Protein backbone atom coordinates (compact mmCIF):
# COMPACT_ATOMS: atom_id res chain seq x y z
CA UNK A 1 -176.19 134.85 171.02
CA UNK A 2 -175.15 138.43 172.35
CA UNK A 3 -173.08 138.79 175.16
CA UNK A 4 -174.48 139.81 178.25
CA UNK A 5 -172.33 142.52 179.91
CA UNK A 6 -172.44 144.08 183.52
CA UNK A 7 -171.04 147.72 183.05
CA UNK A 8 -169.94 148.28 186.51
CA UNK A 9 -169.24 152.13 187.58
CA UNK A 10 -166.60 152.36 190.27
CA UNK A 11 -166.06 155.94 191.94
CA UNK A 12 -166.51 158.10 194.97
CA UNK A 13 -170.06 159.39 195.67
CA UNK A 14 -170.88 162.97 193.88
CA UNK A 15 -168.50 162.22 191.16
CA UNK A 16 -170.76 161.93 188.05
CA UNK A 17 -171.96 158.44 188.05
CA UNK A 18 -175.51 159.03 188.02
CA UNK A 19 -174.89 161.47 185.08
CA UNK A 20 -172.97 158.51 183.26
CA UNK A 21 -175.39 155.74 183.93
CA UNK A 22 -178.44 157.89 182.75
CA UNK A 23 -176.57 158.68 179.40
CA UNK A 24 -175.58 154.90 178.96
CA UNK A 25 -179.13 153.89 179.59
CA UNK A 26 -180.57 155.91 176.75
CA UNK A 27 -180.23 152.96 174.27
CA UNK A 28 -182.76 150.10 173.70
CA UNK A 29 -180.21 147.66 174.47
CA UNK A 30 -179.10 148.60 177.91
CA UNK A 31 -180.81 149.56 181.60
CA UNK A 32 -179.69 151.20 184.44
CA UNK A 33 -180.36 149.86 187.63
CA UNK A 34 -178.46 152.23 189.77
CA UNK A 35 -176.74 151.35 193.17
CA UNK A 36 -177.97 147.61 193.01
CA UNK A 37 -176.36 146.86 195.96
CA UNK A 38 -178.71 148.95 197.89
CA UNK A 39 -181.88 147.16 196.84
CA UNK A 40 -182.77 145.98 200.21
CA UNK A 41 -182.26 149.24 202.02
CA UNK A 42 -184.70 150.93 199.45
CA UNK A 43 -187.35 148.35 199.51
CA UNK A 44 -187.46 147.54 203.21
CA UNK A 45 -186.94 151.06 205.00
CA UNK A 46 -188.98 153.26 202.84
CA UNK A 47 -187.96 156.56 203.53
CA UNK A 48 -184.59 158.61 204.15
CA UNK A 49 -184.73 161.14 207.11
CA UNK A 50 -188.50 160.40 207.27
CA UNK A 51 -189.14 162.76 204.58
CA UNK A 52 -188.25 161.52 200.94
CA UNK A 53 -189.78 158.33 199.66
CA UNK A 54 -187.15 155.79 198.44
CA UNK A 55 -188.77 154.94 195.36
CA UNK A 56 -187.49 153.94 192.03
CA UNK A 57 -186.33 156.34 189.54
CA UNK A 58 -189.18 155.93 187.33
CA UNK A 59 -191.22 157.39 190.06
CA UNK A 60 -193.09 154.46 191.00
CA UNK A 61 -192.81 152.50 194.17
CA UNK A 62 -191.66 149.15 194.25
CA UNK A 63 -194.97 147.33 193.90
CA UNK A 64 -196.00 149.35 191.00
CA UNK A 65 -192.55 149.46 189.08
CA UNK A 66 -192.47 147.50 185.71
CA UNK A 67 -189.20 146.07 186.42
CA UNK A 68 -188.78 145.66 190.14
CA UNK A 69 -192.28 144.52 191.44
CA UNK A 70 -191.70 141.02 189.58
CA UNK A 71 -188.19 140.80 190.44
CA UNK A 72 -188.47 141.48 194.04
CA UNK A 73 -191.18 139.09 194.40
CA UNK A 74 -189.08 136.31 192.96
CA UNK A 75 -186.02 136.88 194.81
CA UNK A 76 -187.90 136.92 198.10
CA UNK A 77 -189.68 133.69 197.08
CA UNK A 78 -186.33 132.01 196.25
CA UNK A 79 -184.35 133.53 199.30
CA UNK A 80 -186.88 133.41 202.10
CA UNK A 81 -187.48 137.13 201.76
CA UNK A 82 -184.00 137.95 201.90
CA UNK A 83 -182.98 140.86 199.49
CA UNK A 84 -179.57 141.50 200.69
CA UNK A 85 -177.05 142.04 197.66
CA UNK A 86 -174.28 144.13 199.08
CA UNK A 87 -170.89 142.24 199.37
CA UNK A 88 -169.24 141.93 202.86
CA UNK A 89 -165.68 142.92 203.28
CA UNK A 90 -163.56 140.77 205.57
CA UNK A 91 -161.65 143.86 206.50
CA UNK A 92 -161.79 147.25 205.88
CA UNK A 93 -157.97 147.75 205.89
CA UNK A 94 -156.41 148.75 202.72
CA UNK A 95 -153.27 146.42 202.85
CA UNK A 96 -155.67 143.34 203.15
CA UNK A 97 -157.62 144.18 199.91
CA UNK A 98 -155.05 142.11 198.04
CA UNK A 99 -156.36 138.98 199.36
CA UNK A 100 -160.24 139.84 198.55
CA UNK A 101 -162.58 138.71 197.52
CA UNK A 102 -163.11 136.24 200.30
CA UNK A 103 -165.15 133.18 199.34
CA UNK A 104 -166.84 133.04 202.74
CA UNK A 105 -170.36 131.41 203.06
CA UNK A 106 -172.13 134.75 203.15
CA UNK A 107 -170.58 136.24 200.05
CA UNK A 108 -170.96 133.27 198.17
CA UNK A 109 -174.76 133.48 198.83
CA UNK A 110 -175.04 137.20 197.90
CA UNK A 111 -172.78 136.31 194.75
CA UNK A 112 -175.60 133.56 193.99
CA UNK A 113 -178.40 136.18 194.51
CA UNK A 114 -176.66 138.87 192.21
CA UNK A 115 -176.39 136.41 189.56
CA UNK A 116 -180.02 135.55 189.71
CA UNK A 117 -181.10 139.08 189.68
CA UNK A 118 -178.87 140.09 186.79
CA UNK A 119 -180.21 137.23 184.86
CA UNK A 120 -184.10 138.17 185.66
CA UNK A 121 -183.12 141.95 184.57
CA UNK A 122 -181.74 140.71 181.31
CA UNK A 123 -185.03 138.52 180.54
CA UNK A 124 -187.17 141.02 181.93
CA UNK A 125 -185.94 144.10 179.82
CA UNK A 126 -184.46 141.84 176.89
CA UNK A 127 -181.24 143.87 177.03
CA UNK A 128 -177.71 143.12 176.37
CA UNK A 129 -176.17 145.49 178.73
CA UNK A 130 -177.10 146.40 182.26
CA UNK A 131 -175.57 149.38 183.97
CA UNK A 132 -175.02 149.06 187.72
CA UNK A 133 -173.40 152.17 189.67
CA UNK A 134 -172.87 150.47 192.87
CA UNK A 135 -169.69 152.14 192.91
CA UNK A 136 -168.30 150.37 195.73
CA UNK A 137 -164.87 148.67 195.31
CA UNK A 138 -165.55 145.73 197.66
CA UNK A 139 -168.77 145.04 195.67
CA UNK A 140 -166.74 145.20 192.35
CA UNK A 141 -164.16 142.67 193.76
CA UNK A 142 -166.84 140.42 194.77
CA UNK A 143 -168.44 140.11 191.47
CA UNK A 144 -165.60 140.54 189.04
CA UNK A 145 -164.69 137.01 187.29
CA UNK A 146 -167.16 135.55 189.64
CA UNK A 147 -170.56 135.65 187.68
CA UNK A 148 -172.13 134.18 184.53
CA UNK A 149 -171.79 137.59 182.83
CA UNK A 150 -168.92 139.74 181.31
CA UNK A 151 -168.16 142.33 184.02
CA UNK A 152 -166.55 145.55 182.60
CA UNK A 153 -165.66 148.33 184.93
CA UNK A 154 -165.74 152.22 184.49
CA UNK A 155 -163.79 154.02 187.18
CA UNK A 156 -164.77 157.67 187.52
CA UNK A 157 -162.38 160.23 188.88
CA UNK A 158 -163.47 163.82 189.93
CA UNK A 159 -161.26 166.56 191.47
CA UNK A 160 -161.18 165.61 195.17
CA UNK A 161 -161.73 169.10 195.80
CA UNK A 162 -165.21 169.11 194.05
CA UNK A 163 -166.23 165.89 195.52
CA UNK A 164 -165.33 167.40 199.21
CA UNK A 165 -167.79 170.48 198.49
CA UNK A 166 -170.53 168.35 197.03
CA UNK A 167 -170.33 166.04 200.06
CA UNK A 168 -170.67 169.09 202.33
CA UNK A 169 -173.45 170.50 200.74
CA UNK A 170 -175.49 167.11 200.75
CA UNK A 171 -174.75 166.86 204.24
CA UNK A 172 -176.38 170.15 204.94
CA UNK A 173 -179.13 169.32 202.94
CA UNK A 174 -179.79 166.12 204.98
CA UNK A 175 -179.51 168.37 207.90
CA UNK A 176 -176.63 166.28 209.28
CA UNK A 177 -173.93 167.65 211.74
CA UNK A 178 -171.54 170.19 210.14
CA UNK A 179 -168.55 168.25 208.99
CA UNK A 180 -165.20 169.72 208.44
CA UNK A 181 -163.83 170.04 204.87
CA UNK A 182 -160.53 168.83 205.76
CA UNK A 183 -161.94 165.63 207.39
CA UNK A 184 -164.04 165.03 204.37
CA UNK A 185 -161.03 165.50 201.98
CA UNK A 186 -158.96 163.13 204.02
CA UNK A 187 -161.84 160.57 203.82
CA UNK A 188 -162.09 161.17 200.04
CA UNK A 189 -158.32 160.51 199.43
CA UNK A 190 -158.66 157.33 201.52
CA UNK A 191 -161.43 156.08 199.38
CA UNK A 192 -159.57 156.87 196.15
CA UNK A 193 -156.51 155.17 197.57
CA UNK A 194 -158.64 151.86 197.86
CA UNK A 195 -160.36 152.19 194.71
CA UNK A 196 -156.89 152.64 192.91
CA UNK A 197 -155.67 149.43 194.59
CA UNK A 198 -158.74 147.61 193.46
CA UNK A 199 -158.42 148.89 189.98
CA UNK A 200 -154.92 147.64 189.64
CA UNK A 201 -156.64 143.89 190.30
CA UNK A 202 -158.77 144.14 187.08
CA UNK A 203 -157.51 142.92 183.65
CA UNK A 204 -156.63 145.57 181.23
CA UNK A 205 -159.29 144.60 178.76
CA UNK A 206 -161.87 145.02 181.34
CA UNK A 207 -161.47 148.40 182.73
CA UNK A 208 -161.47 152.07 181.67
CA UNK A 209 -160.72 155.01 183.64
CA UNK A 210 -162.74 158.45 183.11
CA UNK A 211 -162.79 161.96 184.44
CA UNK A 212 -165.97 163.78 185.42
CA UNK A 213 -164.79 166.58 183.49
CA UNK A 214 -164.34 164.91 180.02
CA UNK A 215 -167.94 163.12 180.71
CA UNK A 216 -169.56 166.18 181.15
CA UNK A 217 -167.58 168.35 178.61
CA UNK A 218 -166.98 166.16 175.96
CA UNK A 219 -169.79 163.60 176.23
CA UNK A 220 -169.92 162.11 172.80
CA UNK A 221 -166.17 161.45 172.65
CA UNK A 222 -166.33 159.66 176.03
CA UNK A 223 -169.26 157.56 174.72
CA UNK A 224 -167.22 156.27 171.76
CA UNK A 225 -164.35 155.68 173.98
CA UNK A 226 -166.50 153.24 176.23
CA UNK A 227 -168.22 151.60 173.06
CA UNK A 228 -164.70 151.12 171.30
CA UNK A 229 -163.06 149.85 174.56
CA UNK A 230 -165.88 147.31 175.57
CA UNK A 231 -167.07 146.51 172.01
CA UNK A 232 -170.44 147.93 172.71
CA UNK A 233 -173.00 149.14 170.38
CA UNK A 234 -172.54 152.71 169.53
CA UNK A 235 -174.14 155.25 171.76
CA UNK A 236 -175.35 158.70 170.66
CA UNK A 237 -175.48 161.57 173.23
CA UNK A 238 -179.04 163.50 173.43
CA UNK A 239 -177.59 166.40 175.37
CA UNK A 240 -180.08 165.82 178.02
CA UNK A 241 -180.71 163.94 181.24
CA UNK A 242 -184.15 162.02 182.08
CA UNK A 243 -183.69 160.00 185.24
CA UNK A 244 -187.55 159.11 184.89
CA UNK A 245 -186.51 156.95 181.97
CA UNK A 246 -184.35 154.44 184.08
CA UNK A 247 -185.14 151.81 187.00
CA UNK A 248 -182.05 153.20 189.07
CA UNK A 249 -181.93 152.57 192.64
CA UNK A 250 -180.39 155.56 194.88
CA UNK A 251 -178.29 157.91 192.70
CA UNK A 252 -179.24 161.36 192.49
CA UNK A 253 -182.81 161.64 191.09
CA UNK A 254 -184.03 164.38 189.16
CA UNK A 255 -187.69 164.86 188.22
CA UNK A 256 -187.10 167.44 185.68
CA UNK A 257 -187.63 165.72 182.33
CA UNK A 258 -184.78 166.69 179.86
CA UNK A 259 -182.50 168.31 182.10
CA UNK A 260 -179.60 169.57 179.79
CA UNK A 261 -175.97 168.08 180.55
CA UNK A 262 -173.83 170.74 181.82
CA UNK A 263 -170.36 170.75 183.57
CA UNK A 264 -170.69 171.78 187.20
CA UNK A 265 -167.76 173.68 188.84
CA UNK A 266 -169.62 175.81 191.21
CA UNK A 267 -167.33 174.29 193.92
CA UNK A 268 -164.76 176.73 192.58
CA UNK A 269 -166.37 179.77 193.94
CA UNK A 270 -166.39 178.26 197.43
CA UNK A 271 -162.98 177.00 197.50
CA UNK A 272 -160.89 180.14 198.37
CA UNK A 273 -158.70 178.66 201.01
CA UNK A 274 -154.99 178.71 199.70
CA UNK A 275 -154.23 175.42 201.97
CA UNK A 276 -157.13 173.69 201.22
CA UNK A 277 -156.72 174.05 197.15
CA UNK A 278 -153.09 173.22 197.68
CA UNK A 279 -153.73 170.05 199.43
CA UNK A 280 -156.46 169.16 197.25
CA UNK A 281 -154.33 169.97 194.17
CA UNK A 282 -151.50 167.81 195.57
CA UNK A 283 -153.90 164.93 196.25
CA UNK A 284 -155.43 165.14 192.58
CA UNK A 285 -151.88 164.71 191.30
CA UNK A 286 -150.86 161.92 193.50
CA UNK A 287 -154.18 159.95 193.25
């Protein structure tokens, strides 16, 4: 029997996880579920900022999605309507991550539900690999070596200045309060410190680190590296993205079929501050 693999993508937001998961999901033996930890939020709360419907990336609402409609019903029936799949940290303090995952009653229940959901997806779609881009380091520690499946980790890093500017752009789009770029830069650095620490807790055979730049610029070579590292079937790059072919939760949906894969460095045109670039460059080297 072919092994069943959870390919978990860890990264900060705006770092290329949607791009990679979309590419990986183009094969008939894999499926992308996006940020699975957010299933409850997307199903139960319906809208973001009262404007954008929270649908599956296939374009359908949850009741009409060929994947999620059946799975959501079965999970609700088994767990009394509870769809929560997000691991709860005992603490957000970095130095206490060494003691995680904590096996408290709540997280044990979430692990059980995650195992059930993954099983249903494997059966429903008859695939060997599920791509879960939940990104979160606590979620990763909660499932690594804790489930019935083989969990492999891809850690994506992107220039911390690019992530900062992309977050600024996203906040403006959502009409949030204007944020200071240095504050966001610091929070990005803090996030990376946490994820770096978690990455050291993963066995070498189960992890791979990639940069956004190599994914976007040399896609086929990157896919070959993933296949070879985790003993997956070869993945052929198409050169295009089409999020409508996936059943991803959250991410950055794009309704344009066959959007060409391009390297995005437009942030450099906006980042003209010597101090910001110096600090960001230093953080990239350190982290």
